[in-house]
Structures are given as C-alpha cells and as structure tokens.
C-alpha atoms as a PDB file:
ATOM      1  CA  MET A   1      21.292  85.534  15.868  1.00  0.00           C
ATOM      2  CA  ARG A   2      22.882  88.125  18.114  1.00  0.00           C
ATOM      3  CA  TYR A   3      26.645  88.323  17.574  1.00  0.00           C
ATOM      4  CA  THR A   4      27.346  91.041  20.124  1.00  0.00           C
ATOM      5  CA  GLU A   5      26.888  91.832  23.754  1.00  0.00           C
ATOM      6  CA  TYR A   6      27.590  95.082  25.575  1.00  0.00           C
ATOM      7  CA  HIS A   7      30.484  95.584  27.964  1.00  0.00           C
ATOM      8  CA  CYS A   8      30.970  99.016  29.543  1.00  0.00           C
ATOM      9  CA  GLY A   9      28.613 100.504  26.945  1.00  0.00           C
ATOM     10  CA  LYS A  10      30.506  99.136  23.920  1.00  0.00           C
ATOM     11  CA  ALA A  11      29.421  96.301  21.664  1.00  0.00           C
ATOM     12  CA  VAL A  12      31.800  93.343  21.702  1.00  0.00           C
ATOM     13  CA  ILE A  13      31.568  90.057  19.825  1.00  0.00           C
ATOM     14  CA  LYS A  14      30.466  87.145  22.017  1.00  0.00           C
ATOM     15  CA  ASP A  15      32.218  84.352  20.140  1.00  0.00           C
ATOM     16  CA  LYS A  16      35.381  85.126  18.175  1.00  0.00           C
ATOM     17  CA  ALA A  17      34.712  82.062  15.995  1.00  0.00           C
ATOM     18  CA  LEU A  18      31.667  83.921  14.612  1.00  0.00           C
ATOM     19  CA  LEU A  19      33.622  87.059  13.716  1.00  0.00           C
ATOM     20  CA  SER A  20      33.811  86.233   9.995  1.00  0.00           C
ATOM     21  CA  GLU A  21      30.064  85.562   9.818  1.00  0.00           C
ATOM     22  CA  ALA A  22      29.328  88.780  11.732  1.00  0.00           C
ATOM     23  CA  MET A  23      31.530  90.778   9.352  1.00  0.00           C
ATOM     24  CA  GLN A  24      29.735  89.268   6.369  1.00  0.00           C
ATOM     25  CA  LYS A  25      26.395  90.290   7.860  1.00  0.00           C
ATOM     26  CA  LEU A  26      27.722  93.810   8.451  1.00  0.00           C
ATOM     27  CA  ALA A  27      28.796  93.993   4.803  1.00  0.00           C
ATOM     28  CA  MET A  28      25.287  92.908   3.779  1.00  0.00           C
ATOM     29  CA  TYR A  29      23.760  95.785   5.781  1.00  0.00           C
ATOM     30  CA  GLU A  30      26.286  98.232   4.338  1.00  0.00           C
ATOM     31  CA  ASP A  31      25.269  97.101   0.850  1.00  0.00           C
ATOM     32  CA  GLN A  32      21.624  97.592   1.828  1.00  0.00           C
ATOM     33  CA  GLU A  33      22.337 101.134   3.000  1.00  0.00           C
ATOM     34  CA  ALA A  34      24.187 101.919  -0.237  1.00  0.00           C
ATOM     35  CA  ASN A  35      21.259 100.475  -2.207  1.00  0.00           C
ATOM     36  CA  GLY A  36      18.725 102.935  -0.791  1.00  0.00           C
ATOM     37  CA  GLY A  37      17.650 100.682   2.064  1.00  0.00           C
ATOM     38  CA  ILE A  38      16.626  97.807  -0.188  1.00  0.00           C
ATOM     39  CA  LEU A  39      18.017  94.422   0.703  1.00  0.00           C
ATOM     40  CA  ASN A  40      17.316  92.023  -2.110  1.00  0.00           C
ATOM     41  CA  ASP A  41      20.679  90.475  -2.744  1.00  0.00           C
ATOM     42  CA  TRP A  42      20.735  86.735  -3.140  1.00  0.00           C
ATOM     43  CA  ILE A  43      23.545  84.983  -1.298  1.00  0.00           C
ATOM     44  CA  PRO A  44      25.222  82.211  -3.310  1.00  0.00           C
ATOM     45  CA  ILE A  45      25.384  78.991  -1.292  1.00  0.00           C
ATOM     46  CA  GLU A  46      29.113  78.820  -2.031  1.00  0.00           C
ATOM     47  CA  ASP A  47      29.594  82.084  -0.085  1.00  0.00           C
ATOM     48  CA  LEU A  48      27.442  81.463   2.994  1.00  0.00           C
ATOM     49  CA  LEU A  49      24.767  79.043   4.158  1.00  0.00           C
ATOM     50  CA  PRO A  50      21.861  79.915   6.444  1.00  0.00           C
ATOM     51  CA  HIS A  51      21.748  78.454   9.931  1.00  0.00           C
ATOM     52  CA  PRO A  52      20.185  74.971  10.132  1.00  0.00           C
ATOM     53  CA  PHE A  53      16.374  75.121  10.322  1.00  0.00           C
ATOM     54  CA  GLU A  54      16.302  78.869   9.506  1.00  0.00           C
ATOM     55  CA  ILE A  55      13.465  79.336   7.011  1.00  0.00           C
ATOM     56  CA  VAL A  56      14.704  81.345   4.026  1.00  0.00           C
ATOM     57  CA  LEU A  57      13.844  81.994   0.392  1.00  0.00           C
ATOM     58  CA  VAL A  58      15.887  79.948  -2.066  1.00  0.00           C
ATOM     59  CA  THR A  59      16.494  80.113  -5.807  1.00  0.00           C
ATOM     60  CA  CYS A  60      16.446  76.688  -7.428  1.00  0.00           C
ATOM     61  CA  VAL A  61      17.188  75.814 -11.034  1.00  0.00           C
ATOM     62  CA  ASN A  62      14.900  73.113 -12.390  1.00  0.00           C
ATOM     63  CA  LYS A  63      15.628  70.516 -15.090  1.00  0.00           C
ATOM     64  CA  LYS A  64      14.545  72.952 -17.817  1.00  0.00           C
ATOM     65  CA  GLY A  65      17.069  75.526 -16.598  1.00  0.00           C
ATOM     66  CA  GLN A  66      14.382  77.834 -15.231  1.00  0.00           C
ATOM     67  CA  SER A  67      14.729  79.506 -11.849  1.00  0.00           C
ATOM     68  CA  ASP A  68      12.082  79.122  -9.165  1.00  0.00           C
ATOM     69  CA  VAL A  69      11.823  80.805  -5.772  1.00  0.00           C
ATOM     70  CA  ASN A  70      10.769  78.588  -2.884  1.00  0.00           C
ATOM     71  CA  ARG A  71      10.615  78.753   0.882  1.00  0.00           C
ATOM     72  CA  ALA A  72      13.019  76.245   2.438  1.00  0.00           C
ATOM     73  CA  TYR A  73      15.368  75.332   5.258  1.00  0.00           C
ATOM     74  CA  ARG A  74      18.490  73.200   5.667  1.00  0.00           C
ATOM     75  CA  ASP A  75      18.774  70.389   8.189  1.00  0.00           C
ATOM     76  CA  THR A  76      21.885  69.706  10.266  1.00  0.00           C
ATOM     77  CA  LYS A  77      23.161  67.270   7.608  1.00  0.00           C
ATOM     78  CA  GLY A  78      23.017  69.985   4.927  1.00  0.00           C
ATOM     79  CA  TYR A  79      19.946  68.710   3.048  1.00  0.00           C
ATOM     80  CA  TRP A  80      17.435  71.284   1.835  1.00  0.00           C
ATOM     81  CA  HIS A  81      13.715  70.852   2.576  1.00  0.00           C
ATOM     82  CA  GLY A  82      10.900  72.934   1.150  1.00  0.00           C
ATOM     83  CA  SER A  83       8.211  73.282  -1.449  1.00  0.00           C
ATOM     84  CA  GLY A  84       9.165  72.218  -4.938  1.00  0.00           C
ATOM     85  CA  SER A  85      12.394  70.594  -6.022  1.00  0.00           C
ATOM     86  CA  MET A  86      15.351  71.246  -3.748  1.00  0.00           C
ATOM     87  CA  ALA A  87      17.775  69.387  -6.011  1.00  0.00           C
ATOM     88  CA  CYS A  88      19.618  72.462  -7.252  1.00  0.00           C
ATOM     89  CA  VAL A  89      19.533  75.298  -4.716  1.00  0.00           C
ATOM     90  CA  ILE A  90      21.961  77.951  -5.942  1.00  0.00           C
ATOM     91  CA  ALA A  91      21.273  80.943  -3.674  1.00  0.00           C
ATOM     92  CA  TRP A  92      19.234  82.072  -0.674  1.00  0.00           C
ATOM     93  CA  MET A  93      18.088  85.215   1.122  1.00  0.00           C
ATOM     94  CA  PRO A  94      16.408  85.948   4.457  1.00  0.00           C
ATOM     95  CA  ARG A  95      12.627  86.120   4.379  1.00  0.00           C
ATOM     96  CA  PRO A  96      11.185  89.645   4.354  1.00  0.00           C
ATOM     97  CA  ARG A  97       9.043  90.730   7.256  1.00  0.00           C
ATOM     98  CA  PRO A  98       5.304  90.261   6.622  1.00  0.00           C
ATOM     99  CA  TYR A  99       3.197  93.271   5.745  1.00  0.00           C
ATOM    100  CA  CYS A 100       1.064  94.284   8.710  1.00  0.00           C
ATOM    101  CA  GLY A 101      -0.961  97.025   7.058  1.00  0.00           C
ATOM    102  CA  LYS A 102      -1.189 100.620   8.145  1.00  0.00           C
ATOM    103  CA  GLN A 103      -1.939 101.240  11.779  1.00  0.00           C
ATOM    104  CA  LYS A 104      -4.946 103.455  12.381  1.00  0.00           C
ATOM    105  CA  ALA A 105      -4.477 106.276  14.830  1.00  0.00           C
ATOM    106  CA  LYS A 106      -6.540 105.896  17.980  1.00  0.00           C
ATOM    107  CA  GLY A 107      -8.759 108.740  19.018  1.00  0.00           C
END
C-alpha cells in the first residue's frame, strides 16, 4: 500500500487516518536498517494486523504448544485462512520476495 503522494516534490501522506500505520511501517524499516538490512521481525497480532486478503506468513501455536509457520490471509471478518490450523495465530510477517536466481550477462 502506498501511504504517500508527492506535492511540489515533497512526499505527503494521502490519508491522515493512515498516519499511525505509516509510522509503524517506517519504524519497521528503521529496525531493518539497524539490523544490517535483514527484516525478519514477527509482528504480534495485538500490535498490528495485515490488510484483509494480504497473503503473509503466520506463526501458529498448535495444541502441543509447538510453533508452526504457515502461509495465510485474513478475511474482512477477521478470520484467518491458510494451510494448517489457524486456531491460534500469534504473529505474522510479510512474505519475502521469491528468489529469481542470478541474471546472466548478455553478450
């Protein structure tokens, strides 16, 4: 989601209601920069939820107390859908970009 637009060469927030969410995303990128460019922080669902139908990675705790990582999304009613049990989602993170391999130089 794009939070900003440009006006006279400066970035401004499009919707003031999204300012808190935009600031949280900025903090996430600042943490990534401080962590050597690695973004692997799980976001507790109490802190922030992904947008409806955004496919993310989730950490679920099963009945045995073990953690599993699954791919999932939330619907507009707040229910989680994905592979495995979605009964106890505790945290989520954006999906990483897929590996595309090394590009061979032409010539």
